[in-house]
Amino acid sequence: MVDAEIRNKYIKEKNLIDFSYFSSLKNMMSMDVLIDVPIDFKEMWNRREVRKADHFEINIVSVDDLIELKKYANREQDKSDIILLSKIKNGNK
């Protein structure tokens, strides 16, 4: 999705904001790649969380930014995710 014209066409015509990659071996989604975001990437990068798995470091979007991204996407699943993420953020209050 390097070509901005193609990316913008998908965003406008298909309401596409990310690509989800699915692992058929593990029967689960393994990664989302965002192509349209309402937040500056550098700001998100500075707020990212770094997790370790085996010998790898994995960069993960912060909970606050993930909530904002889900508000932007505004799909039914995102609305449910926002509720759960907010509970996680607030210690299940």
N, C-alpha and C. Protein backbone atom coordinates (compact mmCIF):
# COMPACT_ATOMS: atom_id res chain seq x y z
N MET A 1 0.81 -1.19 0.00
CA MET A 1 0.00 0.00 0.00
C MET A 1 0.86 1.25 0.00
N VAL A 2 1.94 1.20 -0.69
CA VAL A 2 2.83 2.35 -0.76
C VAL A 2 2.23 3.43 -1.66
N ASP A 3 1.53 3.04 -2.72
CA ASP A 3 0.97 3.98 -3.67
C ASP A 3 -0.21 4.72 -3.03
N ALA A 4 -0.05 6.02 -2.80
CA ALA A 4 -1.07 6.83 -2.12
C ALA A 4 -2.39 6.85 -2.90
N GLU A 5 -2.32 6.87 -4.21
CA GLU A 5 -3.55 6.93 -5.02
C GLU A 5 -4.38 5.65 -4.83
N ILE A 6 -3.74 4.51 -4.87
CA ILE A 6 -4.45 3.23 -4.67
C ILE A 6 -4.98 3.15 -3.24
N ARG A 7 -4.16 3.54 -2.28
CA ARG A 7 -4.56 3.52 -0.88
C ARG A 7 -5.81 4.39 -0.66
N ASN A 8 -5.79 5.61 -1.20
CA ASN A 8 -6.93 6.51 -1.05
C ASN A 8 -8.18 5.97 -1.75
N LYS A 9 -8.00 5.29 -2.87
CA LYS A 9 -9.13 4.67 -3.58
C LYS A 9 -9.78 3.61 -2.69
N TYR A 10 -8.98 2.77 -2.07
CA TYR A 10 -9.52 1.73 -1.18
C TYR A 10 -10.20 2.34 0.04
N ILE A 11 -9.63 3.40 0.56
CA ILE A 11 -10.22 4.06 1.72
C ILE A 11 -11.59 4.63 1.36
N LYS A 12 -11.68 5.31 0.22
CA LYS A 12 -12.93 5.95 -0.19
C LYS A 12 -13.97 4.95 -0.68
N GLU A 13 -13.56 4.02 -1.55
CA GLU A 13 -14.52 3.13 -2.19
C GLU A 13 -14.91 1.93 -1.33
N LYS A 14 -14.00 1.46 -0.51
CA LYS A 14 -14.26 0.23 0.25
C LYS A 14 -14.27 0.46 1.76
N ASN A 15 -14.12 1.72 2.17
CA ASN A 15 -14.06 2.06 3.59
C ASN A 15 -12.99 1.22 4.31
N LEU A 16 -11.91 0.98 3.61
CA LEU A 16 -10.83 0.15 4.14
C LEU A 16 -9.85 1.01 4.93
N ILE A 17 -9.61 0.65 6.17
CA ILE A 17 -8.64 1.39 6.97
C ILE A 17 -7.50 0.51 7.45
N ASP A 18 -7.65 -0.82 7.28
CA ASP A 18 -6.56 -1.71 7.65
C ASP A 18 -6.66 -3.03 6.91
N PHE A 19 -5.53 -3.74 6.88
CA PHE A 19 -5.48 -5.10 6.39
C PHE A 19 -5.25 -5.99 7.59
N SER A 20 -6.03 -7.05 7.69
CA SER A 20 -5.83 -8.02 8.76
C SER A 20 -5.20 -9.27 8.17
N TYR A 21 -4.14 -9.71 8.78
CA TYR A 21 -3.48 -10.93 8.35
C TYR A 21 -3.89 -12.06 9.27
N PHE A 22 -4.24 -13.18 8.67
CA PHE A 22 -4.77 -14.33 9.40
C PHE A 22 -3.81 -15.50 9.27
N SER A 23 -3.55 -16.16 10.38
CA SER A 23 -2.70 -17.34 10.37
C SER A 23 -3.57 -18.59 10.30
N SER A 24 -3.56 -19.26 9.17
CA SER A 24 -4.35 -20.48 9.04
C SER A 24 -3.76 -21.61 9.86
N LEU A 25 -2.47 -21.54 10.16
CA LEU A 25 -1.83 -22.57 10.97
C LEU A 25 -2.30 -22.52 12.41
N LYS A 26 -2.50 -21.31 12.93
CA LYS A 26 -2.92 -21.15 14.32
C LYS A 26 -4.39 -20.78 14.44
N ASN A 27 -5.06 -20.63 13.28
CA ASN A 27 -6.48 -20.30 13.22
C ASN A 27 -6.80 -19.03 14.01
N MET A 28 -5.97 -18.01 13.79
CA MET A 28 -6.20 -16.74 14.48
C MET A 28 -5.60 -15.58 13.69
N MET A 29 -6.14 -14.38 13.93
CA MET A 29 -5.57 -13.20 13.31
C MET A 29 -4.23 -12.91 13.96
N SER A 30 -3.27 -12.57 13.16
CA SER A 30 -1.94 -12.35 13.72
C SER A 30 -1.50 -10.89 13.69
N MET A 31 -2.09 -10.08 12.79
CA MET A 31 -1.61 -8.70 12.72
C MET A 31 -2.56 -7.84 11.89
N ASP A 32 -2.73 -6.59 12.33
CA ASP A 32 -3.43 -5.58 11.54
C ASP A 32 -2.40 -4.58 11.05
N VAL A 33 -2.51 -4.22 9.77
CA VAL A 33 -1.66 -3.17 9.20
C VAL A 33 -2.58 -2.02 8.84
N LEU A 34 -2.39 -0.88 9.49
CA LEU A 34 -3.24 0.28 9.30
C LEU A 34 -2.81 1.07 8.07
N ILE A 35 -3.79 1.47 7.26
CA ILE A 35 -3.47 2.29 6.09
C ILE A 35 -4.10 3.67 6.18
N ASP A 36 -5.01 3.87 7.11
CA ASP A 36 -5.66 5.17 7.30
C ASP A 36 -5.85 5.37 8.80
N VAL A 37 -5.18 6.36 9.34
CA VAL A 37 -5.27 6.60 10.78
C VAL A 37 -5.49 8.08 11.08
N PRO A 38 -6.24 8.37 12.15
CA PRO A 38 -6.52 9.76 12.50
C PRO A 38 -5.45 10.38 13.41
N ILE A 39 -4.42 9.61 13.72
CA ILE A 39 -3.39 10.04 14.66
C ILE A 39 -2.05 10.05 13.95
N ASP A 40 -1.24 11.03 14.24
CA ASP A 40 0.09 11.12 13.65
C ASP A 40 0.93 9.89 14.04
N PHE A 41 1.54 9.26 13.05
CA PHE A 41 2.30 8.04 13.31
C PHE A 41 3.42 8.26 14.32
N LYS A 42 4.14 9.34 14.19
CA LYS A 42 5.25 9.60 15.12
C LYS A 42 4.76 9.69 16.56
N GLU A 43 3.61 10.32 16.75
CA GLU A 43 3.04 10.42 18.09
C GLU A 43 2.66 9.04 18.61
N MET A 44 2.02 8.23 17.75
CA MET A 44 1.66 6.87 18.17
C MET A 44 2.91 6.05 18.49
N TRP A 45 3.94 6.21 17.67
CA TRP A 45 5.18 5.47 17.88
C TRP A 45 5.80 5.81 19.23
N ASN A 46 5.77 7.08 19.59
CA ASN A 46 6.32 7.49 20.88
C ASN A 46 5.54 6.94 22.07
N ARG A 47 4.27 6.63 21.85
CA ARG A 47 3.43 6.11 22.93
C ARG A 47 3.27 4.58 22.89
N ARG A 48 3.92 3.94 21.96
CA ARG A 48 3.75 2.49 21.78
C ARG A 48 4.21 1.73 23.02
N GLU A 49 3.77 0.49 23.11
CA GLU A 49 4.23 -0.42 24.15
C GLU A 49 5.12 -1.46 23.48
N VAL A 50 6.19 -1.82 24.15
CA VAL A 50 7.10 -2.82 23.60
C VAL A 50 7.00 -4.07 24.47
N ARG A 51 6.68 -5.18 23.82
CA ARG A 51 6.56 -6.46 24.52
C ARG A 51 7.63 -7.40 23.96
N LYS A 52 8.02 -8.35 24.77
CA LYS A 52 9.00 -9.34 24.33
C LYS A 52 8.33 -10.70 24.21
N ALA A 53 8.66 -11.38 23.15
CA ALA A 53 8.19 -12.74 22.93
C ALA A 53 9.39 -13.54 22.43
N ASP A 54 9.79 -14.51 23.22
CA ASP A 54 11.00 -15.25 22.93
C ASP A 54 12.16 -14.27 22.80
N HIS A 55 12.77 -14.20 21.63
CA HIS A 55 13.92 -13.31 21.43
C HIS A 55 13.55 -12.08 20.59
N PHE A 56 12.26 -11.80 20.50
CA PHE A 56 11.80 -10.70 19.66
C PHE A 56 11.15 -9.61 20.49
N GLU A 57 11.31 -8.38 20.03
CA GLU A 57 10.56 -7.26 20.59
C GLU A 57 9.43 -6.94 19.63
N ILE A 58 8.24 -6.74 20.20
CA ILE A 58 7.06 -6.45 19.39
C ILE A 58 6.53 -5.09 19.80
N ASN A 59 6.36 -4.21 18.83
CA ASN A 59 5.82 -2.88 19.07
C ASN A 59 4.30 -2.93 18.93
N ILE A 60 3.61 -2.47 19.98
CA ILE A 60 2.15 -2.54 20.01
C ILE A 60 1.61 -1.14 20.29
N VAL A 61 0.55 -0.80 19.59
CA VAL A 61 -0.09 0.50 19.79
C VAL A 61 -0.58 0.60 21.25
N SER A 62 -0.49 1.79 21.81
CA SER A 62 -0.94 1.98 23.20
C SER A 62 -2.45 1.78 23.30
N VAL A 63 -2.93 1.46 24.49
CA VAL A 63 -4.36 1.25 24.71
C VAL A 63 -5.14 2.51 24.35
N ASP A 64 -4.64 3.68 24.77
CA ASP A 64 -5.34 4.94 24.46
C ASP A 64 -5.45 5.16 22.95
N ASP A 65 -4.35 4.91 22.24
CA ASP A 65 -4.38 5.09 20.79
C ASP A 65 -5.27 4.04 20.12
N LEU A 66 -5.26 2.82 20.64
CA LEU A 66 -6.11 1.77 20.08
C LEU A 66 -7.59 2.14 20.24
N ILE A 67 -7.94 2.70 21.37
CA ILE A 67 -9.32 3.16 21.57
C ILE A 67 -9.67 4.24 20.55
N GLU A 68 -8.77 5.19 20.33
CA GLU A 68 -9.02 6.25 19.34
C GLU A 68 -9.15 5.68 17.94
N LEU A 69 -8.33 4.70 17.60
CA LEU A 69 -8.39 4.07 16.27
C LEU A 69 -9.72 3.34 16.10
N LYS A 70 -10.18 2.69 17.14
CA LYS A 70 -11.45 1.97 17.07
C LYS A 70 -12.63 2.94 16.99
N LYS A 71 -12.53 4.08 17.66
CA LYS A 71 -13.57 5.11 17.52
C LYS A 71 -13.62 5.59 16.07
N TYR A 72 -12.46 5.75 15.47
CA TYR A 72 -12.37 6.21 14.08
C TYR A 72 -12.98 5.19 13.12
N ALA A 73 -12.71 3.92 13.34
CA ALA A 73 -13.24 2.87 12.47
C ALA A 73 -14.75 2.73 12.63
N ASN A 74 -15.21 2.80 13.88
CA ASN A 74 -16.63 2.85 14.22
C ASN A 74 -17.45 1.67 13.68
N ARG A 75 -16.86 0.49 13.61
CA ARG A 75 -17.61 -0.71 13.24
C ARG A 75 -18.24 -1.29 14.50
N GLU A 76 -19.20 -2.17 14.34
CA GLU A 76 -19.88 -2.76 15.51
C GLU A 76 -18.88 -3.45 16.43
N GLN A 77 -17.95 -4.22 15.86
CA GLN A 77 -16.95 -4.90 16.68
C GLN A 77 -16.08 -3.89 17.42
N ASP A 78 -15.77 -2.78 16.76
CA ASP A 78 -14.94 -1.75 17.40
C ASP A 78 -15.66 -1.15 18.61
N LYS A 79 -16.95 -0.97 18.50
CA LYS A 79 -17.72 -0.41 19.62
C LYS A 79 -17.65 -1.33 20.84
N SER A 80 -17.75 -2.63 20.61
CA SER A 80 -17.62 -3.60 21.70
C SER A 80 -16.20 -3.60 22.25
N ASP A 81 -15.22 -3.52 21.34
CA ASP A 81 -13.81 -3.50 21.76
C ASP A 81 -13.51 -2.28 22.63
N ILE A 82 -14.10 -1.13 22.29
CA ILE A 82 -13.87 0.10 23.06
C ILE A 82 -14.32 -0.08 24.50
N ILE A 83 -15.47 -0.72 24.68
CA ILE A 83 -15.96 -0.97 26.04
C ILE A 83 -14.98 -1.84 26.81
N LEU A 84 -14.52 -2.93 26.18
CA LEU A 84 -13.57 -3.83 26.85
C LEU A 84 -12.22 -3.16 27.11
N LEU A 85 -11.72 -2.41 26.13
CA LEU A 85 -10.44 -1.73 26.30
C LEU A 85 -10.52 -0.68 27.41
N SER A 86 -11.64 0.01 27.49
CA SER A 86 -11.81 1.02 28.54
C SER A 86 -11.81 0.36 29.92
N LYS A 87 -12.42 -0.81 30.02
CA LYS A 87 -12.40 -1.54 31.28
C LYS A 87 -10.98 -1.98 31.65
N ILE A 88 -10.24 -2.44 30.66
CA ILE A 88 -8.85 -2.83 30.90
C ILE A 88 -8.04 -1.62 31.35
N LYS A 89 -8.21 -0.51 30.65
CA LYS A 89 -7.48 0.71 30.98
C LYS A 89 -7.79 1.20 32.39
N ASN A 90 -9.05 1.07 32.80
CA ASN A 90 -9.48 1.57 34.10
C ASN A 90 -9.46 0.49 35.18
N GLY A 91 -8.79 -0.61 34.93
CA GLY A 91 -8.67 -1.68 35.92
C GLY A 91 -9.97 -2.40 36.18
N ASN A 92 -10.78 -2.61 35.12
CA ASN A 92 -12.05 -3.34 35.21
C ASN A 92 -13.06 -2.69 36.14
N LYS A 93 -13.03 -1.38 36.26
CA LYS A 93 -13.99 -0.67 37.12
C LYS A 93 -15.34 -0.57 36.45
